[in-house]
Amino acid sequence: MIHINQKEKALVDSETGMIVRPSCFDTLIQYHSYLIGRGHPVPAQSLLKQVFNGEKVITKMIENSQKHGF
């Protein structure tokens, strides 16, 4: 499971102790909080895993919204 360490602005893998500090941390945390607040804990954890694994989730989201004129 991936946990958020807000003090360190990092994601931490609870099994390995590995730490990742994504450049999109602030936006990521806002989106994660939105998902949790809407009652979607599984997609919220999936989001953290994707970012932890190096996927540019927030960048792709922004590019997609610009492409569609949002």
N, C-alpha and C. Protein backbone atom coordinates (compact mmCIF):
# COMPACT_ATOMS: atom_id res chain seq x y z
N MET A 1 0.84 -1.17 0.00
CA MET A 1 0.00 0.00 0.00
C MET A 1 0.89 1.24 0.00
N ILE A 2 0.45 2.26 -0.71
CA ILE A 2 1.18 3.51 -0.79
C ILE A 2 0.54 4.52 0.17
N HIS A 3 1.37 5.17 0.97
CA HIS A 3 0.91 6.15 1.93
C HIS A 3 1.46 7.53 1.57
N ILE A 4 0.75 8.55 2.01
CA ILE A 4 1.17 9.92 1.78
C ILE A 4 1.88 10.43 3.02
N ASN A 5 3.05 11.02 2.82
CA ASN A 5 3.78 11.69 3.90
C ASN A 5 3.79 13.17 3.53
N GLN A 6 2.84 13.92 4.10
CA GLN A 6 2.71 15.33 3.73
C GLN A 6 3.89 16.17 4.21
N LYS A 7 4.45 15.83 5.35
CA LYS A 7 5.59 16.60 5.87
C LYS A 7 6.77 16.53 4.91
N GLU A 8 7.02 15.35 4.35
CA GLU A 8 8.14 15.14 3.43
C GLU A 8 7.75 15.38 1.97
N LYS A 9 6.45 15.62 1.72
CA LYS A 9 5.92 15.74 0.35
C LYS A 9 6.36 14.53 -0.47
N ALA A 10 6.00 13.35 0.07
CA ALA A 10 6.45 12.10 -0.54
C ALA A 10 5.37 11.03 -0.47
N LEU A 11 5.54 10.04 -1.33
CA LEU A 11 4.74 8.83 -1.27
C LEU A 11 5.64 7.73 -0.74
N VAL A 12 5.10 6.89 0.15
CA VAL A 12 5.90 5.84 0.79
C VAL A 12 5.22 4.50 0.60
N ASP A 13 5.99 3.53 0.12
CA ASP A 13 5.49 2.15 0.00
C ASP A 13 5.62 1.50 1.36
N SER A 14 4.50 1.11 1.95
CA SER A 14 4.52 0.55 3.31
C SER A 14 5.22 -0.81 3.38
N GLU A 15 5.32 -1.52 2.28
CA GLU A 15 5.96 -2.84 2.28
C GLU A 15 7.48 -2.74 2.18
N THR A 16 7.97 -1.83 1.33
CA THR A 16 9.41 -1.76 1.08
C THR A 16 10.09 -0.58 1.77
N GLY A 17 9.29 0.42 2.15
CA GLY A 17 9.85 1.64 2.74
C GLY A 17 10.39 2.60 1.69
N MET A 18 10.26 2.23 0.43
CA MET A 18 10.74 3.08 -0.66
C MET A 18 9.96 4.39 -0.69
N ILE A 19 10.66 5.49 -0.99
CA ILE A 19 10.07 6.82 -1.00
C ILE A 19 10.19 7.42 -2.40
N VAL A 20 9.10 8.08 -2.83
CA VAL A 20 9.10 8.80 -4.10
C VAL A 20 8.58 10.20 -3.80
N ARG A 21 9.25 11.20 -4.37
CA ARG A 21 8.83 12.59 -4.20
C ARG A 21 8.41 13.15 -5.57
N PRO A 22 7.14 12.98 -5.93
CA PRO A 22 6.68 13.44 -7.24
C PRO A 22 6.62 14.97 -7.32
N SER A 23 6.95 15.50 -8.49
CA SER A 23 6.92 16.95 -8.67
C SER A 23 5.49 17.49 -8.61
N CYS A 24 4.52 16.64 -8.88
CA CYS A 24 3.11 17.05 -8.89
C CYS A 24 2.45 16.83 -7.53
N PHE A 25 3.23 16.74 -6.46
CA PHE A 25 2.71 16.34 -5.15
C PHE A 25 1.48 17.14 -4.71
N ASP A 26 1.54 18.46 -4.79
CA ASP A 26 0.43 19.28 -4.29
C ASP A 26 -0.86 19.00 -5.06
N THR A 27 -0.77 18.92 -6.37
CA THR A 27 -1.94 18.64 -7.20
C THR A 27 -2.43 17.21 -6.95
N LEU A 28 -1.50 16.29 -6.83
CA LEU A 28 -1.82 14.90 -6.56
C LEU A 28 -2.63 14.76 -5.27
N ILE A 29 -2.19 15.44 -4.24
CA ILE A 29 -2.86 15.35 -2.94
C ILE A 29 -4.28 15.91 -3.03
N GLN A 30 -4.45 16.99 -3.78
CA GLN A 30 -5.78 17.56 -3.95
C GLN A 30 -6.70 16.59 -4.68
N TYR A 31 -6.20 15.98 -5.74
CA TYR A 31 -7.02 15.03 -6.49
C TYR A 31 -7.33 13.79 -5.64
N HIS A 32 -6.34 13.31 -4.91
CA HIS A 32 -6.53 12.17 -4.02
C HIS A 32 -7.61 12.49 -2.98
N SER A 33 -7.54 13.67 -2.38
CA SER A 33 -8.54 14.07 -1.39
C SER A 33 -9.93 14.16 -2.01
N TYR A 34 -10.00 14.65 -3.23
CA TYR A 34 -11.28 14.71 -3.94
C TYR A 34 -11.87 13.30 -4.10
N LEU A 35 -11.05 12.35 -4.54
CA LEU A 35 -11.52 10.98 -4.73
C LEU A 35 -11.99 10.36 -3.41
N ILE A 36 -11.22 10.56 -2.36
CA ILE A 36 -11.60 10.04 -1.05
C ILE A 36 -12.91 10.67 -0.59
N GLY A 37 -13.01 11.99 -0.75
CA GLY A 37 -14.20 12.71 -0.33
C GLY A 37 -15.46 12.29 -1.09
N ARG A 38 -15.28 11.82 -2.31
CA ARG A 38 -16.41 11.38 -3.12
C ARG A 38 -16.72 9.90 -2.89
N GLY A 39 -15.96 9.27 -1.98
CA GLY A 39 -16.23 7.87 -1.63
C GLY A 39 -15.60 6.88 -2.59
N HIS A 40 -14.42 7.22 -3.13
CA HIS A 40 -13.74 6.34 -4.08
C HIS A 40 -12.32 5.97 -3.58
N PRO A 41 -12.23 5.19 -2.51
CA PRO A 41 -10.91 4.86 -1.97
C PRO A 41 -10.06 3.97 -2.88
N VAL A 42 -10.67 3.08 -3.64
CA VAL A 42 -9.90 2.19 -4.52
C VAL A 42 -9.24 2.98 -5.64
N PRO A 43 -9.98 3.83 -6.38
CA PRO A 43 -9.31 4.65 -7.40
C PRO A 43 -8.28 5.61 -6.79
N ALA A 44 -8.52 6.08 -5.56
CA ALA A 44 -7.56 6.97 -4.91
C ALA A 44 -6.24 6.25 -4.66
N GLN A 45 -6.31 5.01 -4.19
CA GLN A 45 -5.09 4.22 -3.96
C GLN A 45 -4.41 3.88 -5.29
N SER A 46 -5.22 3.59 -6.30
CA SER A 46 -4.69 3.29 -7.63
C SER A 46 -3.92 4.50 -8.17
N LEU A 47 -4.46 5.69 -7.95
CA LEU A 47 -3.79 6.93 -8.36
C LEU A 47 -2.41 7.03 -7.72
N LEU A 48 -2.34 6.78 -6.42
CA LEU A 48 -1.05 6.84 -5.72
C LEU A 48 -0.07 5.81 -6.27
N LYS A 49 -0.55 4.61 -6.55
CA LYS A 49 0.32 3.55 -7.09
C LYS A 49 0.86 3.94 -8.46
N GLN A 50 -0.01 4.52 -9.30
CA GLN A 50 0.42 4.92 -10.63
C GLN A 50 1.52 5.97 -10.55
N VAL A 51 1.32 6.97 -9.72
CA VAL A 51 2.32 8.03 -9.58
C VAL A 51 3.60 7.46 -8.97
N PHE A 52 3.46 6.60 -7.98
CA PHE A 52 4.62 5.97 -7.35
C PHE A 52 5.45 5.21 -8.38
N ASN A 53 4.76 4.60 -9.35
CA ASN A 53 5.45 3.81 -10.38
C ASN A 53 5.94 4.66 -11.55
N GLY A 54 5.84 5.98 -11.42
CA GLY A 54 6.43 6.87 -12.42
C GLY A 54 5.49 7.34 -13.52
N GLU A 55 4.23 6.97 -13.44
CA GLU A 55 3.29 7.43 -14.46
C GLU A 55 2.97 8.91 -14.22
N LYS A 56 2.85 9.64 -15.30
CA LYS A 56 2.56 11.08 -15.25
C LYS A 56 1.05 11.31 -15.29
N VAL A 57 0.35 10.88 -14.27
CA VAL A 57 -1.11 10.91 -14.23
C VAL A 57 -1.63 12.34 -14.33
N ILE A 58 -1.10 13.24 -13.54
CA ILE A 58 -1.58 14.62 -13.52
C ILE A 58 -1.27 15.30 -14.85
N THR A 59 -0.08 15.09 -15.38
CA THR A 59 0.30 15.66 -16.68
C THR A 59 -0.65 15.19 -17.77
N LYS A 60 -0.93 13.89 -17.78
CA LYS A 60 -1.85 13.33 -18.78
C LYS A 60 -3.25 13.93 -18.63
N MET A 61 -3.69 14.13 -17.39
CA MET A 61 -5.00 14.69 -17.13
C MET A 61 -5.08 16.12 -17.69
N ILE A 62 -4.05 16.90 -17.46
CA ILE A 62 -4.02 18.29 -17.95
C ILE A 62 -3.97 18.31 -19.47
N GLU A 63 -3.12 17.48 -20.07
CA GLU A 63 -3.02 17.43 -21.52
C GLU A 63 -4.38 17.04 -22.14
N ASN A 64 -5.04 16.08 -21.53
CA ASN A 64 -6.33 15.63 -22.04
C ASN A 64 -7.39 16.73 -21.94
N SER A 65 -7.38 17.46 -20.82
CA SER A 65 -8.38 18.52 -20.67
C SER A 65 -8.10 19.66 -21.65
N GLN A 66 -6.84 19.95 -21.94
CA GLN A 66 -6.50 21.00 -22.91
C GLN A 66 -6.89 20.57 -24.33
N LYS A 67 -6.72 19.29 -24.61
CA LYS A 67 -7.06 18.78 -25.91
C LYS A 67 -8.56 18.91 -26.20
N HIS A 68 -9.36 18.76 -25.14
CA HIS A 68 -10.80 18.81 -25.28
C HIS A 68 -11.40 20.17 -24.91
N GLY A 69 -10.54 21.12 -24.63
CA GLY A 69 -10.99 22.49 -24.37
C GLY A 69 -11.66 22.74 -23.05
N PHE A 70 -11.29 21.98 -22.02
CA PHE A 70 -11.89 22.19 -20.69
C PHE A 70 -11.13 23.25 -19.93
